[in-house]
């Protein structure tokens, strides 16, 4: 008997299914799309690091990262304060360099 729900991973290689509408909404912003490209190689970055890389304000970048995390497009982990929250794209979503698999679609950043 399993205590898991359909959206709970069964193993470390499985991820919860994403809501395609929420995920595509999250990916539909130019700023958020640039964030996906930045994180696509597996790096883990804090809100402050992303804001610095984009030369944008911390609050605006933090909001955009939270949209991506809420949709499940990136993993987000809270830090002691919002500047230290970190975000990444899990390895299980990155089957090959430049490829991101969201279950309902596969994105080839090599062609984007």
Protein backbone atom coordinates (compact mmCIF):
# COMPACT_ATOMS: atom_id res chain seq x y z
CA UNK A 1 0.00 0.00 0.00
CA UNK A 2 1.34 3.40 -0.97
CA UNK A 3 0.76 6.69 0.78
CA UNK A 4 1.70 8.66 -2.31
CA UNK A 5 -0.65 10.73 -4.41
CA UNK A 6 -0.48 10.82 -8.21
CA UNK A 7 1.58 14.03 -8.07
CA UNK A 8 4.11 12.63 -5.58
CA UNK A 9 7.33 11.24 -7.04
CA UNK A 10 7.67 7.46 -6.71
CA UNK A 11 11.47 7.60 -6.85
CA UNK A 12 14.24 10.15 -7.05
CA UNK A 13 14.11 9.89 -10.87
CA UNK A 14 10.45 10.91 -11.09
CA UNK A 15 9.06 14.38 -10.66
CA UNK A 16 5.52 15.55 -10.07
CA UNK A 17 3.46 16.15 -13.17
CA UNK A 18 3.15 19.80 -14.07
CA UNK A 19 0.02 21.70 -14.94
CA UNK A 20 0.72 22.55 -18.61
CA UNK A 21 -1.21 25.84 -18.45
CA UNK A 22 0.68 27.07 -15.37
CA UNK A 23 4.03 25.91 -16.76
CA UNK A 24 3.51 27.51 -20.16
CA UNK A 25 2.34 30.73 -18.50
CA UNK A 26 5.52 30.74 -16.43
CA UNK A 27 7.66 30.11 -19.51
CA UNK A 28 5.82 32.77 -21.54
CA UNK A 29 7.71 35.77 -20.18
CA UNK A 30 10.92 36.99 -21.84
CA UNK A 31 12.53 37.56 -18.43
CA UNK A 32 11.51 34.16 -17.08
CA UNK A 33 12.61 32.47 -20.32
CA UNK A 34 16.06 34.04 -19.89
CA UNK A 35 16.12 32.65 -16.34
CA UNK A 36 15.39 29.16 -17.67
CA UNK A 37 18.29 29.48 -20.10
CA UNK A 38 20.54 30.66 -17.27
CA UNK A 39 19.63 27.69 -15.05
CA UNK A 40 19.49 25.10 -17.85
CA UNK A 41 22.99 23.77 -17.21
CA UNK A 42 22.06 22.70 -13.70
CA UNK A 43 23.51 25.56 -11.76
CA UNK A 44 21.92 26.59 -8.48
CA UNK A 45 21.57 30.35 -8.10
CA UNK A 46 20.27 32.61 -5.38
CA UNK A 47 17.82 35.40 -6.05
CA UNK A 48 20.65 37.88 -5.52
CA UNK A 49 22.88 36.12 -8.05
CA UNK A 50 20.15 36.09 -10.69
CA UNK A 51 19.37 39.78 -10.05
CA UNK A 52 23.06 40.62 -10.44
CA UNK A 53 23.35 38.55 -13.64
CA UNK A 54 20.32 40.32 -15.11
CA UNK A 55 21.29 43.75 -13.73
CA UNK A 56 17.76 44.08 -12.32
CA UNK A 57 16.27 44.78 -8.92
CA UNK A 58 16.03 41.99 -6.36
CA UNK A 59 12.27 42.32 -5.77
CA UNK A 60 11.36 42.01 -9.44
CA UNK A 61 13.67 39.05 -10.03
CA UNK A 62 12.44 37.35 -6.85
CA UNK A 63 8.85 37.65 -8.03
CA UNK A 64 9.68 36.11 -11.41
CA UNK A 65 11.59 33.23 -9.80
CA UNK A 66 8.66 32.55 -7.47
CA UNK A 67 6.33 32.34 -10.51
CA UNK A 68 8.64 29.73 -12.06
CA UNK A 69 8.83 27.78 -8.80
CA UNK A 70 5.07 27.90 -8.18
CA UNK A 71 4.50 26.40 -11.63
CA UNK A 72 7.08 23.67 -10.93
CA UNK A 73 9.28 24.82 -13.79
CA UNK A 74 12.21 25.29 -11.37
CA UNK A 75 12.87 24.07 -7.86
CA UNK A 76 13.03 26.79 -5.25
CA UNK A 77 14.33 26.54 -1.71
CA UNK A 78 13.88 29.34 0.79
CA UNK A 79 16.93 30.85 2.42
CA UNK A 80 17.17 32.78 5.67
CA UNK A 81 15.84 35.74 3.73
CA UNK A 82 14.55 36.16 0.21
CA UNK A 83 17.97 37.15 -1.16
CA UNK A 84 19.31 33.75 -0.18
CA UNK A 85 16.51 31.67 -1.70
CA UNK A 86 18.00 29.37 -4.33
CA UNK A 87 16.58 28.07 -7.59
CA UNK A 88 17.58 25.35 -10.04
CA UNK A 89 16.26 22.99 -12.68
CA UNK A 90 16.50 19.43 -11.31
CA UNK A 91 18.79 16.97 -13.09
CA UNK A 92 15.82 14.68 -13.77
CA UNK A 93 14.33 17.44 -15.93
CA UNK A 94 17.63 17.77 -17.86
CA UNK A 95 18.15 14.42 -19.67
CA UNK A 96 20.86 15.89 -21.96
CA UNK A 97 22.75 19.19 -22.30
CA UNK A 98 20.38 21.88 -23.55
CA UNK A 99 17.29 19.67 -23.19
CA UNK A 100 14.61 20.25 -20.56
CA UNK A 101 11.83 17.68 -20.21
CA UNK A 102 8.70 18.96 -18.47
CA UNK A 103 6.73 15.77 -19.12
CA UNK A 104 4.11 17.33 -21.37
CA UNK A 105 6.78 18.97 -23.58
CA UNK A 106 10.50 18.80 -24.24
CA UNK A 107 12.41 22.02 -24.81
CA UNK A 108 15.58 21.96 -26.90
CA UNK A 109 17.48 25.09 -25.93
CA UNK A 110 20.08 24.27 -28.57
CA UNK A 111 17.47 25.28 -31.17
CA UNK A 112 15.80 28.10 -29.20
